[in-house]
C-alpha atoms as a PDB file:
ATOM      1  CA  UNK A   1      68.787  68.546 151.394  1.00  0.00           C
ATOM      2  CA  UNK A   2      70.102  69.165 147.782  1.00  0.00           C
ATOM      3  CA  UNK A   3      73.269  71.184 147.621  1.00  0.00           C
ATOM      4  CA  UNK A   4      73.092  73.979 144.968  1.00  0.00           C
ATOM      5  CA  UNK A   5      76.057  74.245 142.579  1.00  0.00           C
ATOM      6  CA  UNK A   6      78.390  77.195 142.762  1.00  0.00           C
ATOM      7  CA  UNK A   7      77.848  78.799 139.272  1.00  0.00           C
ATOM      8  CA  UNK A   8      80.100  81.879 138.631  1.00  0.00           C
ATOM      9  CA  UNK A   9      80.834  84.073 135.630  1.00  0.00           C
ATOM     10  CA  UNK A  10      84.106  85.228 134.171  1.00  0.00           C
ATOM     11  CA  UNK A  11      84.837  89.030 134.600  1.00  0.00           C
ATOM     12  CA  UNK A  12      87.247  91.053 132.508  1.00  0.00           C
ATOM     13  CA  UNK A  13      90.077  92.563 134.539  1.00  0.00           C
ATOM     14  CA  UNK A  14      93.214  94.727 134.095  1.00  0.00           C
ATOM     15  CA  UNK A  15      92.434  96.320 130.814  1.00  0.00           C
ATOM     16  CA  UNK A  16      90.596  93.354 129.149  1.00  0.00           C
ATOM     17  CA  UNK A  17      93.458  90.943 128.732  1.00  0.00           C
ATOM     18  CA  UNK A  18      92.756  89.044 131.895  1.00  0.00           C
ATOM     19  CA  UNK A  19      89.777  87.199 133.365  1.00  0.00           C
ATOM     20  CA  UNK A  20      88.982  86.885 136.868  1.00  0.00           C
ATOM     21  CA  UNK A  21      86.774  84.506 138.807  1.00  0.00           C
ATOM     22  CA  UNK A  22      85.234  84.909 142.383  1.00  0.00           C
ATOM     23  CA  UNK A  23      85.547  81.715 144.387  1.00  0.00           C
ATOM     24  CA  UNK A  24      82.797  80.998 146.776  1.00  0.00           C
ATOM     25  CA  UNK A  25      83.860  81.967 150.325  1.00  0.00           C
ATOM     26  CA  UNK A  26      82.566  78.649 151.961  1.00  0.00           C
ATOM     27  CA  UNK A  27      84.913  76.750 149.677  1.00  0.00           C
ATOM     28  CA  UNK A  28      87.798  78.822 150.400  1.00  0.00           C
ATOM     29  CA  UNK A  29      87.282  78.599 154.102  1.00  0.00           C
ATOM     30  CA  UNK A  30      87.023  74.813 153.829  1.00  0.00           C
ATOM     31  CA  UNK A  31      90.436  74.701 152.094  1.00  0.00           C
ATOM     32  CA  UNK A  32      91.909  77.138 154.767  1.00  0.00           C
ATOM     33  CA  UNK A  33      93.203  79.532 152.142  1.00  0.00           C
ATOM     34  CA  UNK A  34      93.846  83.003 153.077  1.00  0.00           C
ATOM     35  CA  UNK A  35      93.785  86.414 151.011  1.00  0.00           C
ATOM     36  CA  UNK A  36      96.961  86.968 148.708  1.00  0.00           C
ATOM     37  CA  UNK A  37      97.967  83.334 149.252  1.00  0.00           C
ATOM     38  CA  UNK A  38      99.869  81.791 146.399  1.00  0.00           C
ATOM     39  CA  UNK A  39      98.274  79.015 144.296  1.00  0.00           C
ATOM     40  CA  UNK A  40      99.160  77.123 141.145  1.00  0.00           C
ATOM     41  CA  UNK A  41      96.724  77.059 138.305  1.00  0.00           C
ATOM     42  CA  UNK A  42      96.993  74.179 135.702  1.00  0.00           C
ATOM     43  CA  UNK A  43      94.931  73.140 132.618  1.00  0.00           C
ATOM     44  CA  UNK A  44      94.058  69.472 132.858  1.00  0.00           C
ATOM     45  CA  UNK A  45      92.265  68.429 129.728  1.00  0.00           C
ATOM     46  CA  UNK A  46      89.214  70.606 129.593  1.00  0.00           C
ATOM     47  CA  UNK A  47      89.360  71.501 133.160  1.00  0.00           C
ATOM     48  CA  UNK A  48      91.273  74.283 135.284  1.00  0.00           C
ATOM     49  CA  UNK A  49      92.614  72.907 138.441  1.00  0.00           C
ATOM     50  CA  UNK A  50      93.627  75.495 141.321  1.00  0.00           C
ATOM     51  CA  UNK A  51      95.976  73.898 143.925  1.00  0.00           C
ATOM     52  CA  UNK A  52      97.878  75.335 146.910  1.00  0.00           C
ATOM     53  CA  UNK A  53     101.345  76.289 146.330  1.00  0.00           C
ATOM     54  CA  UNK A  54     103.746  73.490 147.267  1.00  0.00           C
ATOM     55  CA  UNK A  55     105.694  73.927 150.458  1.00  0.00           C
ATOM     56  CA  UNK A  56     109.462  73.132 150.094  1.00  0.00           C
ATOM     57  CA  UNK A  57     111.124  71.712 153.219  1.00  0.00           C
END
């Protein structure tokens, strides 16, 4: 079975200065992320990387 790619569109939010992206629920569940969880967003080359917030011990 061939897995379909998750294609999403960027949407203007907050008066038009910010852009939002809806992440596929199955990917978020696989990462065990929760609503309102802190994440880190980085630009790496021509990609955007979203990572879990680092936990300090």
